[in-house]
Amino acid sequence: MAWRKKDTKAVASLISLFFMALAGAVALPFVGGRNLVRGYDREFAATIFFTIALNAALIGAGFVLGIFALPLVFALFGGVPVSSGSGELNYGPVLTVTIVSVFVGVVIGLSQRPARLEAFAIARDNAQFLTKTGIRETGQNDVTHYDPNNHPLRYMETIGDKQMYMAVGRRNKRAYIYLDQSGRMVRYSGIVSL
């Protein structure tokens, strides 16, 4: 029987699926482990669903993909038998790869956690500062904020320890929000001349 072009495409598709399953068997447990401990600014219900359940599902999906892909890799290159003498699959190598991927993900997630939690705390403090001072965000591009006196402002840039805003419709006028070393807003200047 002759080899046909259609057969080549089928083999190429199977090889692609195999490599995607292999990548998923390593990447999904890594991502799930990292995301479990990374730190989020979420409510309790969202933490249960998005942080715990979703990432546990990623780890489980990686293990399932590993059941399909890793035994073949171990059999071809590692000399680890795909099945035991009774014909049952040997899950030990797959479980080992999953655990190692989760462990590496957890280590990386824990290293990212302090900076992420600090960034969330700064964002919360800055939102409280804006509310306390009466500055409102608009979500627009032309007028990004209104100050306590209802003057329209456009955010321009952050330079060193201050955010600079242009007073829209007022020539040579600026407003500044001063920041501390960590990036927390500490003082609003009001509209001042250049």
N, C-alpha and C. Protein backbone atom coordinates (compact mmCIF):
# COMPACT_ATOMS: atom_id res chain seq x y z
N MET A 1 0.84 -1.17 0.00
CA MET A 1 0.00 0.00 0.00
C MET A 1 0.89 1.25 0.00
N ALA A 2 0.57 2.19 -0.85
CA ALA A 2 1.40 3.39 -1.01
C ALA A 2 1.09 4.42 0.06
N TRP A 3 2.14 5.14 0.43
CA TRP A 3 2.01 6.22 1.40
C TRP A 3 1.40 7.42 0.69
N ARG A 4 0.35 7.99 1.26
CA ARG A 4 -0.35 9.09 0.62
C ARG A 4 -0.12 10.39 1.39
N LYS A 5 -0.36 11.49 0.69
CA LYS A 5 -0.20 12.81 1.30
C LYS A 5 -1.12 12.96 2.51
N LYS A 6 -2.31 12.37 2.43
CA LYS A 6 -3.27 12.43 3.52
C LYS A 6 -2.70 11.74 4.76
N ASP A 7 -1.95 10.65 4.56
CA ASP A 7 -1.33 9.95 5.69
C ASP A 7 -0.28 10.83 6.37
N THR A 8 0.49 11.55 5.59
CA THR A 8 1.51 12.43 6.12
C THR A 8 0.87 13.52 6.99
N LYS A 9 -0.25 14.07 6.51
CA LYS A 9 -0.95 15.10 7.29
C LYS A 9 -1.49 14.52 8.60
N ALA A 10 -1.98 13.30 8.56
CA ALA A 10 -2.51 12.67 9.77
C ALA A 10 -1.39 12.43 10.78
N VAL A 11 -0.24 11.96 10.31
CA VAL A 11 0.90 11.74 11.20
C VAL A 11 1.37 13.06 11.78
N ALA A 12 1.45 14.09 10.95
CA ALA A 12 1.87 15.41 11.42
C ALA A 12 0.90 15.94 12.48
N SER A 13 -0.39 15.72 12.27
CA SER A 13 -1.38 16.16 13.24
C SER A 13 -1.22 15.40 14.55
N LEU A 14 -0.98 14.10 14.49
CA LEU A 14 -0.78 13.31 15.70
C LEU A 14 0.47 13.75 16.46
N ILE A 15 1.53 14.03 15.72
CA ILE A 15 2.77 14.49 16.36
C ILE A 15 2.54 15.85 17.02
N SER A 16 1.81 16.75 16.35
CA SER A 16 1.50 18.05 16.93
C SER A 16 0.68 17.90 18.20
N LEU A 17 -0.33 17.03 18.17
CA LEU A 17 -1.15 16.79 19.35
C LEU A 17 -0.31 16.22 20.49
N PHE A 18 0.61 15.33 20.16
CA PHE A 18 1.47 14.74 21.17
C PHE A 18 2.31 15.82 21.86
N PHE A 19 2.93 16.70 21.06
CA PHE A 19 3.78 17.74 21.65
C PHE A 19 2.96 18.76 22.43
N MET A 20 1.73 19.05 21.98
CA MET A 20 0.87 19.95 22.76
C MET A 20 0.49 19.31 24.09
N ALA A 21 0.18 18.02 24.07
CA ALA A 21 -0.15 17.32 25.32
C ALA A 21 1.06 17.28 26.24
N LEU A 22 2.22 17.05 25.68
CA LEU A 22 3.45 17.02 26.48
C LEU A 22 3.72 18.39 27.11
N ALA A 23 3.57 19.45 26.33
CA ALA A 23 3.77 20.81 26.87
C ALA A 23 2.73 21.11 27.94
N GLY A 24 1.50 20.71 27.70
CA GLY A 24 0.44 20.93 28.69
C GLY A 24 0.67 20.15 29.97
N ALA A 25 1.25 18.95 29.85
CA ALA A 25 1.51 18.12 31.03
C ALA A 25 2.51 18.78 31.96
N VAL A 26 3.39 19.60 31.43
CA VAL A 26 4.39 20.29 32.24
C VAL A 26 3.90 21.70 32.59
N ALA A 27 3.33 22.41 31.62
CA ALA A 27 2.98 23.82 31.82
C ALA A 27 1.75 24.01 32.70
N LEU A 28 0.72 23.21 32.51
CA LEU A 28 -0.51 23.43 33.28
C LEU A 28 -0.31 23.24 34.78
N PRO A 29 0.37 22.18 35.24
CA PRO A 29 0.62 22.10 36.68
C PRO A 29 1.50 23.24 37.20
N PHE A 30 2.46 23.69 36.39
CA PHE A 30 3.30 24.82 36.78
C PHE A 30 2.44 26.07 36.99
N VAL A 31 1.60 26.39 36.01
CA VAL A 31 0.75 27.58 36.09
C VAL A 31 -0.23 27.45 37.25
N GLY A 32 -0.81 26.26 37.42
CA GLY A 32 -1.74 26.06 38.53
C GLY A 32 -1.07 26.24 39.88
N GLY A 33 0.12 25.69 40.05
CA GLY A 33 0.85 25.84 41.31
C GLY A 33 1.25 27.28 41.57
N ARG A 34 1.72 27.96 40.53
CA ARG A 34 2.12 29.36 40.68
C ARG A 34 0.93 30.23 41.04
N ASN A 35 -0.19 30.04 40.35
CA ASN A 35 -1.35 30.88 40.59
C ASN A 35 -2.02 30.61 41.93
N LEU A 36 -1.82 29.43 42.50
CA LEU A 36 -2.40 29.12 43.81
C LEU A 36 -1.86 30.03 44.90
N VAL A 37 -0.59 30.40 44.81
CA VAL A 37 0.06 31.11 45.92
C VAL A 37 0.50 32.52 45.56
N ARG A 38 0.23 32.98 44.38
CA ARG A 38 0.75 34.24 43.87
C ARG A 38 0.23 35.47 44.60
N GLY A 39 -0.98 35.41 45.09
CA GLY A 39 -1.57 36.55 45.79
C GLY A 39 -2.46 37.36 44.88
N TYR A 40 -3.71 37.59 45.33
CA TYR A 40 -4.71 38.31 44.54
C TYR A 40 -5.48 39.25 45.44
N ASP A 41 -6.15 40.19 44.84
CA ASP A 41 -7.03 41.12 45.55
C ASP A 41 -8.46 40.73 45.19
N ARG A 42 -8.95 39.66 45.83
CA ARG A 42 -10.26 39.10 45.50
C ARG A 42 -11.10 38.90 46.75
N GLU A 43 -12.41 38.83 46.53
CA GLU A 43 -13.34 38.48 47.60
C GLU A 43 -13.23 36.98 47.89
N PHE A 44 -13.83 36.55 48.98
CA PHE A 44 -13.73 35.15 49.42
C PHE A 44 -14.25 34.17 48.37
N ALA A 45 -15.43 34.44 47.82
CA ALA A 45 -16.02 33.53 46.83
C ALA A 45 -15.15 33.44 45.58
N ALA A 46 -14.62 34.57 45.14
CA ALA A 46 -13.75 34.57 43.96
C ALA A 46 -12.46 33.82 44.26
N THR A 47 -11.97 33.92 45.49
CA THR A 47 -10.76 33.18 45.87
C THR A 47 -11.01 31.69 45.80
N ILE A 48 -12.16 31.25 46.33
CA ILE A 48 -12.48 29.82 46.29
C ILE A 48 -12.58 29.34 44.84
N PHE A 49 -13.30 30.07 44.00
CA PHE A 49 -13.51 29.61 42.63
C PHE A 49 -12.28 29.80 41.76
N PHE A 50 -11.80 31.05 41.65
CA PHE A 50 -10.72 31.34 40.71
C PHE A 50 -9.36 30.88 41.20
N THR A 51 -9.08 31.06 42.47
CA THR A 51 -7.75 30.72 42.95
C THR A 51 -7.61 29.23 43.24
N ILE A 52 -8.56 28.67 43.95
CA ILE A 52 -8.41 27.27 44.37
C ILE A 52 -8.96 26.31 43.32
N ALA A 53 -10.25 26.41 42.99
CA ALA A 53 -10.87 25.43 42.10
C ALA A 53 -10.28 25.47 40.69
N LEU A 54 -10.14 26.65 40.14
CA LEU A 54 -9.64 26.76 38.77
C LEU A 54 -8.20 26.27 38.65
N ASN A 55 -7.36 26.61 39.61
CA ASN A 55 -5.96 26.18 39.54
C ASN A 55 -5.81 24.70 39.86
N ALA A 56 -6.66 24.16 40.73
CA ALA A 56 -6.66 22.71 40.96
C ALA A 56 -7.07 21.99 39.68
N ALA A 57 -8.01 22.57 38.94
CA ALA A 57 -8.41 21.99 37.65
C ALA A 57 -7.27 22.03 36.65
N LEU A 58 -6.49 23.11 36.65
CA LEU A 58 -5.32 23.18 35.76
C LEU A 58 -4.31 22.09 36.09
N ILE A 59 -4.07 21.89 37.39
CA ILE A 59 -3.13 20.85 37.80
C ILE A 59 -3.65 19.48 37.38
N GLY A 60 -4.94 19.24 37.60
CA GLY A 60 -5.55 17.97 37.20
C GLY A 60 -5.50 17.76 35.70
N ALA A 61 -5.77 18.81 34.93
CA ALA A 61 -5.72 18.71 33.47
C ALA A 61 -4.31 18.39 33.00
N GLY A 62 -3.31 18.99 33.65
CA GLY A 62 -1.92 18.67 33.30
C GLY A 62 -1.60 17.22 33.58
N PHE A 63 -2.10 16.70 34.70
CA PHE A 63 -1.86 15.29 35.03
C PHE A 63 -2.51 14.38 33.99
N VAL A 64 -3.74 14.71 33.59
CA VAL A 64 -4.44 13.90 32.58
C VAL A 64 -3.70 13.94 31.25
N LEU A 65 -3.24 15.11 30.84
CA LEU A 65 -2.46 15.19 29.61
C LEU A 65 -1.17 14.38 29.73
N GLY A 66 -0.58 14.41 30.93
CA GLY A 66 0.62 13.62 31.16
C GLY A 66 0.38 12.13 31.04
N ILE A 67 -0.81 11.68 31.44
CA ILE A 67 -1.14 10.25 31.31
C ILE A 67 -1.07 9.83 29.86
N PHE A 68 -1.44 10.72 28.95
CA PHE A 68 -1.41 10.38 27.53
C PHE A 68 -0.02 10.55 26.91
N ALA A 69 0.70 11.61 27.30
CA ALA A 69 1.94 11.94 26.60
C ALA A 69 3.20 11.41 27.28
N LEU A 70 3.30 11.53 28.59
CA LEU A 70 4.56 11.21 29.25
C LEU A 70 4.95 9.74 29.22
N PRO A 71 4.02 8.78 29.36
CA PRO A 71 4.47 7.39 29.29
C PRO A 71 5.18 7.05 27.98
N LEU A 72 4.71 7.64 26.89
CA LEU A 72 5.36 7.38 25.61
C LEU A 72 6.77 7.97 25.60
N VAL A 73 6.94 9.17 26.15
CA VAL A 73 8.27 9.78 26.23
C VAL A 73 9.19 8.93 27.08
N PHE A 74 8.69 8.51 28.26
CA PHE A 74 9.51 7.70 29.16
C PHE A 74 9.86 6.35 28.52
N ALA A 75 8.93 5.79 27.78
CA ALA A 75 9.20 4.50 27.14
C ALA A 75 10.23 4.64 26.03
N LEU A 76 10.13 5.73 25.27
CA LEU A 76 11.05 5.92 24.14
C LEU A 76 12.44 6.35 24.59
N PHE A 77 12.52 7.27 25.56
CA PHE A 77 13.80 7.87 25.90
C PHE A 77 14.32 7.53 27.29
N GLY A 78 13.42 7.20 28.20
CA GLY A 78 13.85 7.04 29.58
C GLY A 78 13.98 5.61 30.03
N GLY A 79 13.48 4.67 29.28
CA GLY A 79 13.55 3.28 29.69
C GLY A 79 12.58 2.93 30.79
N VAL A 80 11.66 3.85 31.14
CA VAL A 80 10.66 3.57 32.17
C VAL A 80 9.50 2.86 31.48
N PRO A 81 9.07 1.71 32.00
CA PRO A 81 7.99 0.99 31.32
C PRO A 81 6.68 1.77 31.36
N VAL A 82 5.95 1.71 30.23
CA VAL A 82 4.67 2.39 30.12
C VAL A 82 3.64 1.70 31.01
N SER A 83 3.73 0.41 31.12
CA SER A 83 2.76 -0.31 31.94
C SER A 83 3.48 -1.32 32.80
N SER A 84 2.80 -1.71 33.86
CA SER A 84 3.37 -2.75 34.72
C SER A 84 3.15 -4.10 34.05
N GLY A 85 3.61 -5.15 34.65
CA GLY A 85 3.48 -6.48 34.05
C GLY A 85 2.04 -6.90 33.86
N SER A 86 1.11 -6.36 34.65
CA SER A 86 -0.30 -6.75 34.54
C SER A 86 -1.04 -5.95 33.48
N GLY A 87 -0.36 -5.05 32.79
CA GLY A 87 -1.00 -4.28 31.73
C GLY A 87 -1.54 -2.93 32.21
N GLU A 88 -1.45 -2.63 33.51
CA GLU A 88 -1.91 -1.34 34.01
C GLU A 88 -0.85 -0.28 33.75
N LEU A 89 -1.32 0.96 33.52
CA LEU A 89 -0.37 2.05 33.28
C LEU A 89 0.42 2.37 34.54
N ASN A 90 1.68 2.73 34.35
CA ASN A 90 2.56 3.14 35.43
C ASN A 90 2.44 4.66 35.59
N TYR A 91 1.69 5.11 36.61
CA TYR A 91 1.44 6.54 36.80
C TYR A 91 2.55 7.23 37.58
N GLY A 92 3.49 6.51 38.11
CA GLY A 92 4.55 7.10 38.93
C GLY A 92 5.32 8.20 38.23
N PRO A 93 5.85 7.97 37.03
CA PRO A 93 6.60 9.05 36.35
C PRO A 93 5.72 10.27 36.03
N VAL A 94 4.47 10.01 35.66
CA VAL A 94 3.56 11.12 35.35
C VAL A 94 3.30 11.95 36.61
N LEU A 95 3.06 11.26 37.71
CA LEU A 95 2.82 11.94 38.97
C LEU A 95 4.05 12.73 39.40
N THR A 96 5.23 12.18 39.19
CA THR A 96 6.48 12.86 39.54
C THR A 96 6.63 14.15 38.75
N VAL A 97 6.40 14.09 37.45
CA VAL A 97 6.51 15.29 36.61
C VAL A 97 5.49 16.34 37.05
N THR A 98 4.27 15.90 37.36
CA THR A 98 3.23 16.84 37.80
C THR A 98 3.63 17.49 39.12
N ILE A 99 4.11 16.70 40.07
CA ILE A 99 4.49 17.25 41.37
C ILE A 99 5.66 18.21 41.24
N VAL A 100 6.65 17.87 40.43
CA VAL A 100 7.80 18.76 40.23
C VAL A 100 7.35 20.07 39.57
N SER A 101 6.46 19.98 38.58
CA SER A 101 5.97 21.20 37.91
C SER A 101 5.20 22.07 38.89
N VAL A 102 4.34 21.46 39.72
CA VAL A 102 3.59 22.23 40.71
C VAL A 102 4.56 22.87 41.70
N PHE A 103 5.56 22.12 42.16
CA PHE A 103 6.52 22.64 43.13
C PHE A 103 7.27 23.85 42.58
N VAL A 104 7.75 23.75 41.35
CA VAL A 104 8.46 24.87 40.73
C VAL A 104 7.52 26.07 40.60
N GLY A 105 6.27 25.83 40.21
CA GLY A 105 5.29 26.91 40.12
C GLY A 105 5.03 27.57 41.46
N VAL A 106 4.93 26.76 42.52
CA VAL A 106 4.70 27.31 43.86
C VAL A 106 5.88 28.16 44.30
N VAL A 107 7.09 27.70 44.04
CA VAL A 107 8.28 28.47 44.43
C VAL A 107 8.30 29.82 43.71
N ILE A 108 8.02 29.82 42.42
CA ILE A 108 8.01 31.07 41.66
C ILE A 108 6.86 31.96 42.11
N GLY A 109 5.68 31.36 42.35
CA GLY A 109 4.54 32.14 42.83
C GLY A 109 4.81 32.79 44.17
N LEU A 110 5.46 32.05 45.09
CA LEU A 110 5.79 32.62 46.39
C LEU A 110 6.79 33.76 46.27
N SER A 111 7.69 33.69 45.29
CA SER A 111 8.65 34.78 45.10
C SER A 111 7.97 36.03 44.55
N GLN A 112 6.87 35.86 43.81
CA GLN A 112 6.15 37.01 43.24
C GLN A 112 5.12 37.59 44.22
N ARG A 113 4.72 36.83 45.21
CA ARG A 113 3.62 37.21 46.11
C ARG A 113 3.83 38.54 46.84
N PRO A 114 4.97 38.79 47.51
CA PRO A 114 5.09 40.04 48.26
C PRO A 114 4.93 41.29 47.39
N ALA A 115 5.53 41.30 46.22
CA ALA A 115 5.43 42.47 45.35
C ALA A 115 4.00 42.66 44.85
N ARG A 116 3.33 41.57 44.53
CA ARG A 116 1.94 41.67 44.06
C ARG A 116 1.03 42.19 45.16
N LEU A 117 1.17 41.65 46.37
CA LEU A 117 0.32 42.11 47.48
C LEU A 117 0.57 43.57 47.80
N GLU A 118 1.83 43.99 47.73
CA GLU A 118 2.16 45.40 47.95
C GLU A 118 1.53 46.28 46.88
N ALA A 119 1.56 45.85 45.62
CA ALA A 119 0.95 46.63 44.53
C ALA A 119 -0.56 46.75 44.73
N PHE A 120 -1.22 45.67 45.18
CA PHE A 120 -2.65 45.75 45.45
C PHE A 120 -2.94 46.72 46.60
N ALA A 121 -2.12 46.68 47.63
CA ALA A 121 -2.31 47.58 48.77
C ALA A 121 -2.13 49.04 48.35
N ILE A 122 -1.14 49.31 47.52
CA ILE A 122 -0.91 50.67 47.03
C ILE A 122 -2.09 51.14 46.19
N ALA A 123 -2.60 50.27 45.33
CA ALA A 123 -3.76 50.63 44.49
C ALA A 123 -4.98 50.94 45.36
N ARG A 124 -5.21 50.15 46.41
CA ARG A 124 -6.34 50.42 47.32
C ARG A 124 -6.14 51.76 48.04
N ASP A 125 -4.93 52.00 48.53
CA ASP A 125 -4.65 53.26 49.23
C ASP A 125 -4.81 54.46 48.30
N ASN A 126 -4.38 54.32 47.05
CA ASN A 126 -4.51 55.41 46.09
C ASN A 126 -5.97 55.68 45.75
N ALA A 127 -6.78 54.63 45.65
CA ALA A 127 -8.21 54.82 45.40
C ALA A 127 -8.85 55.53 46.58
N GLN A 128 -8.45 55.20 47.80
CA GLN A 128 -8.97 55.88 48.99
C GLN A 128 -8.53 57.35 49.01
N PHE A 129 -7.29 57.61 48.60
CA PHE A 129 -6.80 58.99 48.55
C PHE A 129 -7.64 59.81 47.58
N LEU A 130 -7.89 59.27 46.38
CA LEU A 130 -8.68 60.00 45.39
C LEU A 130 -10.08 60.29 45.92
N THR A 131 -10.69 59.30 46.57
CA THR A 131 -12.04 59.49 47.13
C THR A 131 -12.02 60.54 48.23
N LYS A 132 -11.03 60.45 49.10
CA LYS A 132 -10.93 61.38 50.24
C LYS A 132 -10.71 62.82 49.78
N THR A 133 -9.91 63.00 48.74
CA THR A 133 -9.63 64.36 48.26
C THR A 133 -10.68 64.86 47.27
N GLY A 134 -11.60 64.00 46.85
CA GLY A 134 -12.67 64.42 45.94
C GLY A 134 -12.28 64.40 44.47
N ILE A 135 -11.21 63.71 44.13
CA ILE A 135 -10.80 63.59 42.73
C ILE A 135 -11.51 62.37 42.13
N ARG A 136 -12.15 62.58 40.97
CA ARG A 136 -12.92 61.51 40.33
C ARG A 136 -12.29 61.13 39.00
N GLU A 137 -12.19 59.84 38.75
CA GLU A 137 -11.72 59.36 37.45
C GLU A 137 -12.90 59.27 36.50
N THR A 138 -12.64 59.55 35.22
CA THR A 138 -13.72 59.52 34.24
C THR A 138 -13.68 58.30 33.34
N GLY A 139 -12.49 57.71 33.16
CA GLY A 139 -12.35 56.61 32.21
C GLY A 139 -12.24 57.07 30.77
N GLN A 140 -12.13 58.37 30.57
CA GLN A 140 -12.01 58.94 29.22
C GLN A 140 -10.55 59.28 28.94
N ASN A 141 -10.25 59.64 27.69
CA ASN A 141 -8.88 60.01 27.32
C ASN A 141 -8.66 61.52 27.38
N ASP A 142 -9.65 62.29 26.96
CA ASP A 142 -9.47 63.74 26.91
C ASP A 142 -9.51 64.35 28.30
N VAL A 143 -10.51 63.99 29.08
CA VAL A 143 -10.61 64.42 30.48
C VAL A 143 -10.55 63.15 31.31
N THR A 144 -9.42 62.94 31.97
CA THR A 144 -9.24 61.68 32.72
C THR A 144 -9.74 61.80 34.16
N HIS A 145 -9.78 63.02 34.71
CA HIS A 145 -10.17 63.22 36.11
C HIS A 145 -10.89 64.57 36.25
N TYR A 146 -11.63 64.68 37.33
CA TYR A 146 -12.14 65.97 37.80
C TYR A 146 -11.62 66.17 39.20
N ASP A 147 -11.13 67.40 39.49
CA ASP A 147 -10.60 67.65 40.82
C ASP A 147 -11.75 68.00 41.78
N PRO A 148 -11.47 68.28 43.06
CA PRO A 148 -12.55 68.56 44.02
C PRO A 148 -13.41 69.77 43.65
N ASN A 149 -12.85 70.71 42.88
CA ASN A 149 -13.61 71.89 42.46
C ASN A 149 -14.24 71.70 41.09
N ASN A 150 -14.31 70.47 40.62
CA ASN A 150 -14.93 70.08 39.35
C ASN A 150 -14.18 70.61 38.13
N HIS A 151 -12.89 70.90 38.28
CA HIS A 151 -12.07 71.31 37.14
C HIS A 151 -11.64 70.05 36.38
N PRO A 152 -11.78 70.05 35.05
CA PRO A 152 -11.36 68.88 34.28
C PRO A 152 -9.83 68.80 34.18
N LEU A 153 -9.31 67.58 34.34
CA LEU A 153 -7.87 67.34 34.27
C LEU A 153 -7.60 66.21 33.29
N ARG A 154 -6.41 66.27 32.68
CA ARG A 154 -5.95 65.19 31.82
C ARG A 154 -4.60 64.71 32.34
N TYR A 155 -4.55 63.40 32.66
CA TYR A 155 -3.28 62.83 33.13
C TYR A 155 -2.26 62.92 32.01
N MET A 156 -1.06 63.38 32.36
CA MET A 156 0.00 63.50 31.36
C MET A 156 1.09 62.46 31.58
N GLU A 157 1.71 62.46 32.78
CA GLU A 157 2.79 61.52 33.03
C GLU A 157 3.16 61.53 34.50
N THR A 158 3.93 60.53 34.89
CA THR A 158 4.48 60.47 36.23
C THR A 158 5.97 60.76 36.13
N ILE A 159 6.40 61.78 36.85
CA ILE A 159 7.81 62.17 36.84
C ILE A 159 8.31 62.10 38.28
N GLY A 160 9.20 61.16 38.54
CA GLY A 160 9.77 61.02 39.87
C GLY A 160 8.72 60.77 40.92
N ASP A 161 8.52 61.77 41.78
CA ASP A 161 7.61 61.59 42.91
C ASP A 161 6.28 62.30 42.71
N LYS A 162 5.88 62.56 41.46
CA LYS A 162 4.58 63.22 41.24
C LYS A 162 3.96 62.81 39.91
N GLN A 163 2.64 62.82 39.93
CA GLN A 163 1.86 62.64 38.70
C GLN A 163 1.47 64.03 38.23
N MET A 164 1.64 64.27 36.93
CA MET A 164 1.34 65.59 36.38
C MET A 164 0.06 65.51 35.56
N TYR A 165 -0.82 66.48 35.79
CA TYR A 165 -2.09 66.59 35.09
C TYR A 165 -2.17 67.96 34.44
N MET A 166 -2.72 68.00 33.22
CA MET A 166 -2.97 69.26 32.54
C MET A 166 -4.38 69.72 32.89
N ALA A 167 -4.52 71.00 33.23
CA ALA A 167 -5.86 71.55 33.46
C ALA A 167 -6.48 71.82 32.09
N VAL A 168 -7.49 71.04 31.74
CA VAL A 168 -8.08 71.11 30.40
C VAL A 168 -8.78 72.46 30.23
N GLY A 169 -8.45 73.12 29.10
CA GLY A 169 -9.07 74.41 28.78
C GLY A 169 -8.45 75.59 29.51
N ARG A 170 -7.37 75.36 30.23
CA ARG A 170 -6.70 76.45 30.96
C ARG A 170 -5.23 76.44 30.58
N ARG A 171 -4.82 77.49 29.94
CA ARG A 171 -3.46 77.57 29.40
C ARG A 171 -2.43 77.71 30.52
N ASN A 172 -1.34 76.93 30.37
CA ASN A 172 -0.20 76.97 31.30
C ASN A 172 -0.58 76.66 32.75
N LYS A 173 -1.56 75.81 32.92
CA LYS A 173 -1.97 75.40 34.26
C LYS A 173 -1.79 73.88 34.39
N ARG A 174 -1.28 73.47 35.55
CA ARG A 174 -1.06 72.05 35.83
C ARG A 174 -1.57 71.74 37.23
N ALA A 175 -1.76 70.47 37.47
CA ALA A 175 -2.08 69.98 38.81
C ALA A 175 -1.17 68.78 39.06
N TYR A 176 -0.80 68.57 40.32
CA TYR A 176 0.12 67.48 40.66
C TYR A 176 -0.43 66.68 41.83
N ILE A 177 -0.22 65.38 41.73
CA ILE A 177 -0.44 64.50 42.88
C ILE A 177 0.93 63.97 43.27
N TYR A 178 1.34 64.26 44.49
CA TYR A 178 2.66 63.84 44.96
C TYR A 178 2.59 62.42 45.52
N LEU A 179 3.66 61.67 45.28
CA LEU A 179 3.74 60.26 45.67
C LEU A 179 4.87 60.07 46.68
N ASP A 180 4.69 59.08 47.56
CA ASP A 180 5.81 58.73 48.44
C ASP A 180 6.72 57.74 47.70
N GLN A 181 7.73 57.23 48.38
CA GLN A 181 8.71 56.35 47.73
C GLN A 181 8.11 55.06 47.21
N SER A 182 7.03 54.60 47.82
CA SER A 182 6.42 53.34 47.38
C SER A 182 5.38 53.54 46.28
N GLY A 183 5.04 54.79 45.96
CA GLY A 183 4.07 55.07 44.91
C GLY A 183 2.69 55.42 45.44
N ARG A 184 2.55 55.57 46.75
CA ARG A 184 1.26 55.97 47.34
C ARG A 184 1.06 57.48 47.16
N MET A 185 -0.18 57.85 46.85
CA MET A 185 -0.52 59.25 46.71
C MET A 185 -0.59 59.88 48.09
N VAL A 186 0.07 61.05 48.26
CA VAL A 186 0.10 61.68 49.58
C VAL A 186 -0.44 63.10 49.59
N ARG A 187 -0.42 63.82 48.44
CA ARG A 187 -0.85 65.22 48.47
C ARG A 187 -1.27 65.66 47.07
N TYR A 188 -2.35 66.45 47.03
CA TYR A 188 -2.81 67.04 45.78
C TYR A 188 -2.49 68.53 45.81
N SER A 189 -1.87 69.04 44.75
CA SER A 189 -1.42 70.44 44.72
C SER A 189 -2.52 71.43 44.40
N GLY A 190 -3.58 70.96 43.77
CA GLY A 190 -4.54 71.88 43.20
C GLY A 190 -3.99 72.38 41.86
N ILE A 191 -4.73 73.25 41.19
CA ILE A 191 -4.27 73.76 39.90
C ILE A 191 -3.32 74.93 40.13
N VAL A 192 -2.13 74.82 39.53
CA VAL A 192 -1.10 75.84 39.72
C VAL A 192 -0.58 76.29 38.35
N SER A 193 0.02 77.46 38.31
CA SER A 193 0.61 77.98 37.08
C SER A 193 1.97 77.33 36.85
N LEU A 194 2.34 77.21 35.58
CA LEU A 194 3.66 76.66 35.23
C LEU A 194 4.77 77.61 35.62
